[in-house]
Amino acid sequence: MAELSREAPVLILEQQLSAEDYAQAALLYENTLFPFRRYWVRAGICICAAVLVASAIPWYLSQFATAVVPICAIVFFLALALYFWREQPRRRLHGSVLQFCSSRLLRLPGKISVYQNGIVLENDAETLSEFWTDFSGCVEGHAYYVLWGGISRPLLILKKSVLSPEQAERLSAHLRSTFAGRCRLENGGRFR
């Protein structure tokens, strides 16, 4: 781990995460890595199921005297779609905020040094040194870089707001070259 400090850093940044930053970055990670967890995907599937059941009402009426069962199924799928559309994002953000608030280390301001072979995070309580091979991948959003799978922290979040446009472009290029096919964009695409 001492080898990282011998190199010249590619970039040095100082940041302090807020609960909102952590929650938005965690949501970015989940939505990018697991598309089926997106609220609009789940709500869309429920609406499609409701439409499919509604298309079977004429057949159901010809077989049975009433359409109570399909109408109940339609109401159920629409209620489920409404839940996924409105409640799921709030619950996921709330869970991430609780996770952030329960960790004192995440709330500390820190200095992050990005090296060619790894990253060093320093704050008042800890110094973490990790090589890029310790991480599983990264995602670049409009406001954050999120790296996951590290040994010391499940998510390492870098805020773009503390970087100048030149620094952000340099860090983007470095992460794209470091992670190659494992670096994704916010909308789920990959860099070429």
C-alpha atoms as a PDB file:
ATOM      1  CA  MET A   1       0.000   0.000   0.000  1.00  0.00           C
ATOM      2  CA  ALA A   2       2.945   2.332   0.533  1.00  0.00           C
ATOM      3  CA  GLU A   3       3.647   2.264  -3.205  1.00  0.00           C
ATOM      4  CA  LEU A   4       0.759   4.634  -3.918  1.00  0.00           C
ATOM      5  CA  SER A   5       2.305   7.492  -1.958  1.00  0.00           C
ATOM      6  CA  ARG A   6       5.500   7.243  -4.029  1.00  0.00           C
ATOM      7  CA  GLU A   7       3.681   8.179  -7.224  1.00  0.00           C
ATOM      8  CA  ALA A   8       2.654  11.661  -8.244  1.00  0.00           C
ATOM      9  CA  PRO A   9      -1.119  11.966  -7.831  1.00  0.00           C
ATOM     10  CA  VAL A  10      -3.285  12.343 -10.922  1.00  0.00           C
ATOM     11  CA  LEU A  11      -5.727  14.455  -8.922  1.00  0.00           C
ATOM     12  CA  ILE A  12      -6.291  15.631  -5.340  1.00  0.00           C
ATOM     13  CA  LEU A  13      -9.692  16.730  -4.105  1.00  0.00           C
ATOM     14  CA  GLU A  14     -11.268  17.595  -0.785  1.00  0.00           C
ATOM     15  CA  GLN A  15     -14.919  16.900  -0.098  1.00  0.00           C
ATOM     16  CA  GLN A  16     -17.490  16.358   2.593  1.00  0.00           C
ATOM     17  CA  LEU A  17     -20.557  14.298   1.785  1.00  0.00           C
ATOM     18  CA  SER A  18     -23.998  15.256   3.002  1.00  0.00           C
ATOM     19  CA  ALA A  19     -26.841  12.822   3.582  1.00  0.00           C
ATOM     20  CA  GLU A  20     -28.453  14.007   0.333  1.00  0.00           C
ATOM     21  CA  ASP A  21     -25.194  13.444  -1.591  1.00  0.00           C
ATOM     22  CA  TYR A  22     -24.851   9.920  -0.245  1.00  0.00           C
ATOM     23  CA  ALA A  23     -28.506   9.058  -0.899  1.00  0.00           C
ATOM     24  CA  GLN A  24     -28.432  10.374  -4.483  1.00  0.00           C
ATOM     25  CA  ALA A  25     -25.145   8.598  -5.247  1.00  0.00           C
ATOM     26  CA  ALA A  26     -26.412   5.310  -3.763  1.00  0.00           C
ATOM     27  CA  LEU A  27     -29.553   5.630  -5.881  1.00  0.00           C
ATOM     28  CA  LEU A  28     -27.399   6.314  -8.951  1.00  0.00           C
ATOM     29  CA  TYR A  29     -25.402   3.157  -8.209  1.00  0.00           C
ATOM     30  CA  GLU A  30     -28.485   0.968  -7.748  1.00  0.00           C
ATOM     31  CA  ASN A  31     -30.315   2.318 -10.797  1.00  0.00           C
ATOM     32  CA  THR A  32     -27.291   1.901 -13.044  1.00  0.00           C
ATOM     33  CA  LEU A  33     -26.207  -1.515 -11.887  1.00  0.00           C
ATOM     34  CA  PHE A  34     -29.686  -3.002 -11.389  1.00  0.00           C
ATOM     35  CA  PRO A  35     -32.084  -1.562 -14.011  1.00  0.00           C
ATOM     36  CA  PHE A  36     -35.006  -3.654 -12.764  1.00  0.00           C
ATOM     37  CA  ARG A  37     -34.885  -1.748  -9.475  1.00  0.00           C
ATOM     38  CA  ARG A  38     -35.749   1.527 -11.195  1.00  0.00           C
ATOM     39  CA  TYR A  39     -39.129   2.746 -10.041  1.00  0.00           C
ATOM     40  CA  TRP A  40     -40.408   3.544 -13.515  1.00  0.00           C
ATOM     41  CA  VAL A  41     -39.459   0.090 -14.836  1.00  0.00           C
ATOM     42  CA  ARG A  42     -41.420  -1.634 -12.077  1.00  0.00           C
ATOM     43  CA  ALA A  43     -44.376   0.743 -12.452  1.00  0.00           C
ATOM     44  CA  GLY A  44     -44.361   0.179 -16.215  1.00  0.00           C
ATOM     45  CA  ILE A  45     -44.449  -3.586 -15.780  1.00  0.00           C
ATOM     46  CA  CYS A  46     -47.454  -3.245 -13.441  1.00  0.00           C
ATOM     47  CA  ILE A  47     -49.276  -0.985 -15.907  1.00  0.00           C
ATOM     48  CA  CYS A  48     -48.593  -3.482 -18.708  1.00  0.00           C
ATOM     49  CA  ALA A  49     -49.995  -6.266 -16.520  1.00  0.00           C
ATOM     50  CA  ALA A  50     -53.118  -4.163 -15.850  1.00  0.00           C
ATOM     51  CA  VAL A  51     -53.602  -3.565 -19.590  1.00  0.00           C
ATOM     52  CA  LEU A  52     -53.117  -7.274 -20.297  1.00  0.00           C
ATOM     53  CA  VAL A  53     -55.744  -8.216 -17.703  1.00  0.00           C
ATOM     54  CA  ALA A  54     -58.087  -5.540 -19.086  1.00  0.00           C
ATOM     55  CA  SER A  55     -57.778  -7.038 -22.570  1.00  0.00           C
ATOM     56  CA  ALA A  56     -58.996 -10.369 -21.176  1.00  0.00           C
ATOM     57  CA  ILE A  57     -62.243  -8.919 -19.754  1.00  0.00           C
ATOM     58  CA  PRO A  58     -64.364  -9.719 -22.873  1.00  0.00           C
ATOM     59  CA  TRP A  59     -63.184 -13.324 -22.813  1.00  0.00           C
ATOM     60  CA  TYR A  60     -63.760 -13.528 -19.052  1.00  0.00           C
ATOM     61  CA  LEU A  61     -67.309 -12.160 -19.461  1.00  0.00           C
ATOM     62  CA  SER A  62     -68.066 -14.782 -22.121  1.00  0.00           C
ATOM     63  CA  GLN A  63     -66.910 -17.572 -19.776  1.00  0.00           C
ATOM     64  CA  PHE A  64     -68.357 -16.225 -16.515  1.00  0.00           C
ATOM     65  CA  ALA A  65     -71.266 -13.981 -15.649  1.00  0.00           C
ATOM     66  CA  THR A  66     -69.164 -11.326 -13.923  1.00  0.00           C
ATOM     67  CA  ALA A  67     -65.851  -9.492 -14.359  1.00  0.00           C
ATOM     68  CA  VAL A  68     -65.074  -8.990 -10.677  1.00  0.00           C
ATOM     69  CA  VAL A  69     -61.809 -10.967 -10.688  1.00  0.00           C
ATOM     70  CA  PRO A  70     -60.198  -9.110 -13.624  1.00  0.00           C
ATOM     71  CA  ILE A  71     -61.336  -5.738 -12.269  1.00  0.00           C
ATOM     72  CA  CYS A  72     -59.799  -6.588  -8.871  1.00  0.00           C
ATOM     73  CA  ALA A  73     -56.593  -7.634 -10.629  1.00  0.00           C
ATOM     74  CA  ILE A  74     -56.524  -4.347 -12.587  1.00  0.00           C
ATOM     75  CA  VAL A  75     -57.006  -2.319  -9.418  1.00  0.00           C
ATOM     76  CA  PHE A  76     -54.257  -4.352  -7.704  1.00  0.00           C
ATOM     77  CA  PHE A  77     -51.748  -3.797 -10.538  1.00  0.00           C
ATOM     78  CA  LEU A  78     -52.537  -0.075 -10.754  1.00  0.00           C
ATOM     79  CA  ALA A  79     -52.155   0.309  -6.979  1.00  0.00           C
ATOM     80  CA  LEU A  80     -48.838  -1.541  -7.166  1.00  0.00           C
ATOM     81  CA  ALA A  81     -47.716   0.755 -10.010  1.00  0.00           C
ATOM     82  CA  LEU A  82     -48.631   3.784  -7.921  1.00  0.00           C
ATOM     83  CA  TYR A  83     -46.651   2.379  -4.994  1.00  0.00           C
ATOM     84  CA  PHE A  84     -43.570   1.797  -7.169  1.00  0.00           C
ATOM     85  CA  TRP A  85     -43.887   5.260  -8.738  1.00  0.00           C
ATOM     86  CA  ARG A  86     -44.355   7.283  -5.549  1.00  0.00           C
ATOM     87  CA  GLU A  87     -43.195   5.330  -2.511  1.00  0.00           C
ATOM     88  CA  GLN A  88     -40.263   3.246  -3.699  1.00  0.00           C
ATOM     89  CA  PRO A  89     -37.926   6.201  -4.458  1.00  0.00           C
ATOM     90  CA  ARG A  90     -38.751   7.846  -1.139  1.00  0.00           C
ATOM     91  CA  ARG A  91     -38.148   4.650   0.818  1.00  0.00           C
ATOM     92  CA  ARG A  92     -34.851   3.951  -0.934  1.00  0.00           C
ATOM     93  CA  LEU A  93     -33.629   7.507  -0.342  1.00  0.00           C
ATOM     94  CA  HIS A  94     -34.732   7.332   3.287  1.00  0.00           C
ATOM     95  CA  GLY A  95     -32.862   4.032   3.755  1.00  0.00           C
ATOM     96  CA  SER A  96     -29.700   5.541   2.283  1.00  0.00           C
ATOM     97  CA  VAL A  97     -29.993   8.609   4.528  1.00  0.00           C
ATOM     98  CA  LEU A  98     -30.326   6.330   7.569  1.00  0.00           C
ATOM     99  CA  GLN A  99     -27.260   4.370   6.459  1.00  0.00           C
ATOM    100  CA  PHE A 100     -25.310   7.614   6.064  1.00  0.00           C
ATOM    101  CA  CYS A 101     -26.407   8.934   9.461  1.00  0.00           C
ATOM    102  CA  SER A 102     -25.422   5.700  11.181  1.00  0.00           C
ATOM    103  CA  SER A 103     -21.821   5.966   9.944  1.00  0.00           C
ATOM    104  CA  ARG A 104     -19.639   8.622  11.518  1.00  0.00           C
ATOM    105  CA  LEU A 105     -16.851   7.988   9.010  1.00  0.00           C
ATOM    106  CA  LEU A 106     -18.996   8.893   6.018  1.00  0.00           C
ATOM    107  CA  ARG A 107     -19.782  12.314   7.516  1.00  0.00           C
ATOM    108  CA  LEU A 108     -16.152  13.364   8.010  1.00  0.00           C
ATOM    109  CA  PRO A 109     -14.539  15.751   5.526  1.00  0.00           C
ATOM    110  CA  GLY A 110     -11.793  14.022   3.627  1.00  0.00           C
ATOM    111  CA  LYS A 111      -8.936  14.487   1.219  1.00  0.00           C
ATOM    112  CA  ILE A 112      -8.901  12.085  -1.705  1.00  0.00           C
ATOM    113  CA  SER A 113      -5.776  11.532  -3.759  1.00  0.00           C
ATOM    114  CA  VAL A 114      -6.244   9.732  -7.056  1.00  0.00           C
ATOM    115  CA  TYR A 115      -3.145   7.916  -8.293  1.00  0.00           C
ATOM    116  CA  GLN A 116      -2.420   5.970 -11.435  1.00  0.00           C
ATOM    117  CA  ASN A 117      -2.703   2.643  -9.565  1.00  0.00           C
ATOM    118  CA  GLY A 118      -5.194   3.449  -6.807  1.00  0.00           C
ATOM    119  CA  ILE A 119      -6.823   5.922  -4.483  1.00  0.00           C
ATOM    120  CA  VAL A 120      -6.055   7.217  -0.982  1.00  0.00           C
ATOM    121  CA  LEU A 121      -8.745   8.667   1.272  1.00  0.00           C
ATOM    122  CA  GLU A 122      -7.630  10.555   4.362  1.00  0.00           C
ATOM    123  CA  ASN A 123      -9.766  12.045   7.117  1.00  0.00           C
ATOM    124  CA  ASP A 124      -9.422  12.644  10.854  1.00  0.00           C
ATOM    125  CA  ALA A 125     -10.222   9.041  11.768  1.00  0.00           C
ATOM    126  CA  GLU A 126      -8.753   6.883   8.996  1.00  0.00           C
ATOM    127  CA  THR A 127      -6.503   6.610   5.995  1.00  0.00           C
ATOM    128  CA  LEU A 128      -7.652   4.187   3.303  1.00  0.00           C
ATOM    129  CA  SER A 129      -5.410   3.065   0.482  1.00  0.00           C
ATOM    130  CA  GLU A 130      -6.925   0.904  -2.208  1.00  0.00           C
ATOM    131  CA  PHE A 131      -5.718  -0.194  -5.589  1.00  0.00           C
ATOM    132  CA  TRP A 132      -8.023   0.015  -8.597  1.00  0.00           C
ATOM    133  CA  THR A 133      -8.067  -3.775  -8.748  1.00  0.00           C
ATOM    134  CA  ASP A 134      -9.887  -3.776  -5.390  1.00  0.00           C
ATOM    135  CA  PHE A 135     -12.938  -2.095  -6.989  1.00  0.00           C
ATOM    136  CA  SER A 136     -15.515  -3.916  -9.090  1.00  0.00           C
ATOM    137  CA  GLY A 137     -16.533  -0.948 -11.225  1.00  0.00           C
ATOM    138  CA  CYS A 138     -17.614   2.665 -11.377  1.00  0.00           C
ATOM    139  CA  VAL A 139     -20.469   4.771 -12.621  1.00  0.00           C
ATOM    140  CA  GLU A 140     -20.286   8.390 -13.713  1.00  0.00           C
ATOM    141  CA  GLY A 141     -23.360  10.522 -13.185  1.00  0.00           C
ATOM    142  CA  HIS A 142     -24.064  14.208 -13.652  1.00  0.00           C
ATOM    143  CA  ALA A 143     -23.036  15.030 -10.088  1.00  0.00           C
ATOM    144  CA  TYR A 144     -21.027  12.033  -8.792  1.00  0.00           C
ATOM    145  CA  TYR A 145     -18.549   9.320  -9.529  1.00  0.00           C
ATOM    146  CA  VAL A 146     -19.475   6.167  -7.618  1.00  0.00           C
ATOM    147  CA  LEU A 147     -16.977   3.333  -7.244  1.00  0.00           C
ATOM    148  CA  TRP A 148     -18.173   0.065  -5.730  1.00  0.00           C
ATOM    149  CA  GLY A 149     -16.746  -3.175  -4.444  1.00  0.00           C
ATOM    150  CA  GLY A 150     -13.826  -1.731  -2.523  1.00  0.00           C
ATOM    151  CA  ILE A 151     -12.367  -3.599   0.425  1.00  0.00           C
ATOM    152  CA  SER A 152     -12.790  -0.826   2.996  1.00  0.00           C
ATOM    153  CA  ARG A 153     -16.065   0.740   1.831  1.00  0.00           C
ATOM    154  CA  PRO A 154     -18.858  -0.681  -0.293  1.00  0.00           C
ATOM    155  CA  LEU A 155     -19.302   2.662  -2.099  1.00  0.00           C
ATOM    156  CA  LEU A 156     -16.717   5.372  -2.648  1.00  0.00           C
ATOM    157  CA  ILE A 157     -18.378   8.578  -3.785  1.00  0.00           C
ATOM    158  CA  LEU A 158     -16.557  11.457  -5.457  1.00  0.00           C
ATOM    159  CA  LYS A 159     -18.495  14.702  -5.903  1.00  0.00           C
ATOM    160  CA  LYS A 160     -18.107  16.481  -9.217  1.00  0.00           C
ATOM    161  CA  SER A 161     -19.076  19.823  -7.673  1.00  0.00           C
ATOM    162  CA  VAL A 162     -15.677  20.117  -5.945  1.00  0.00           C
ATOM    163  CA  LEU A 163     -13.837  19.672  -9.259  1.00  0.00           C
ATOM    164  CA  SER A 164     -13.142  22.178 -11.984  1.00  0.00           C
ATOM    165  CA  PRO A 165     -14.309  21.160 -15.484  1.00  0.00           C
ATOM    166  CA  GLU A 166     -10.716  20.293 -16.451  1.00  0.00           C
ATOM    167  CA  GLN A 167     -10.254  18.157 -13.343  1.00  0.00           C
ATOM    168  CA  ALA A 168     -13.586  16.409 -13.937  1.00  0.00           C
ATOM    169  CA  GLU A 169     -12.610  15.609 -17.519  1.00  0.00           C
ATOM    170  CA  ARG A 170      -9.182  14.347 -16.403  1.00  0.00           C
ATOM    171  CA  LEU A 171     -10.761  12.151 -13.718  1.00  0.00           C
ATOM    172  CA  SER A 172     -13.369  10.825 -16.183  1.00  0.00           C
ATOM    173  CA  ALA A 173     -10.665   9.905 -18.677  1.00  0.00           C
ATOM    174  CA  HIS A 174      -8.598   8.260 -15.947  1.00  0.00           C
ATOM    175  CA  LEU A 175     -11.521   6.191 -14.652  1.00  0.00           C
ATOM    176  CA  ARG A 176     -12.548   5.166 -18.186  1.00  0.00           C
ATOM    177  CA  SER A 177      -9.042   3.947 -18.947  1.00  0.00           C
ATOM    178  CA  THR A 178      -8.645   2.284 -15.549  1.00  0.00           C
ATOM    179  CA  PHE A 179     -11.966   0.432 -15.493  1.00  0.00           C
ATOM    180  CA  ALA A 180     -12.265  -0.094 -19.272  1.00  0.00           C
ATOM    181  CA  GLY A 181     -15.525  -2.048 -19.750  1.00  0.00           C
ATOM    182  CA  ARG A 182     -16.534  -1.768 -16.097  1.00  0.00           C
ATOM    183  CA  CYS A 183     -17.153   2.002 -16.139  1.00  0.00           C
ATOM    184  CA  ARG A 184     -20.752   2.976 -16.854  1.00  0.00           C
ATOM    185  CA  LEU A 185     -22.705   6.140 -17.491  1.00  0.00           C
ATOM    186  CA  GLU A 186     -25.681   7.275 -15.436  1.00  0.00           C
ATOM    187  CA  ASN A 187     -28.225   6.171 -18.015  1.00  0.00           C
ATOM    188  CA  GLY A 188     -26.855   2.633 -17.988  1.00  0.00           C
ATOM    189  CA  GLY A 189     -24.639   2.924 -21.058  1.00  0.00           C
ATOM    190  CA  ARG A 190     -20.945   2.193 -21.213  1.00  0.00           C
ATOM    191  CA  PHE A 191     -18.028   4.268 -22.388  1.00  0.00           C
ATOM    192  CA  ARG A 192     -16.491   3.311 -25.665  1.00  0.00           C
END
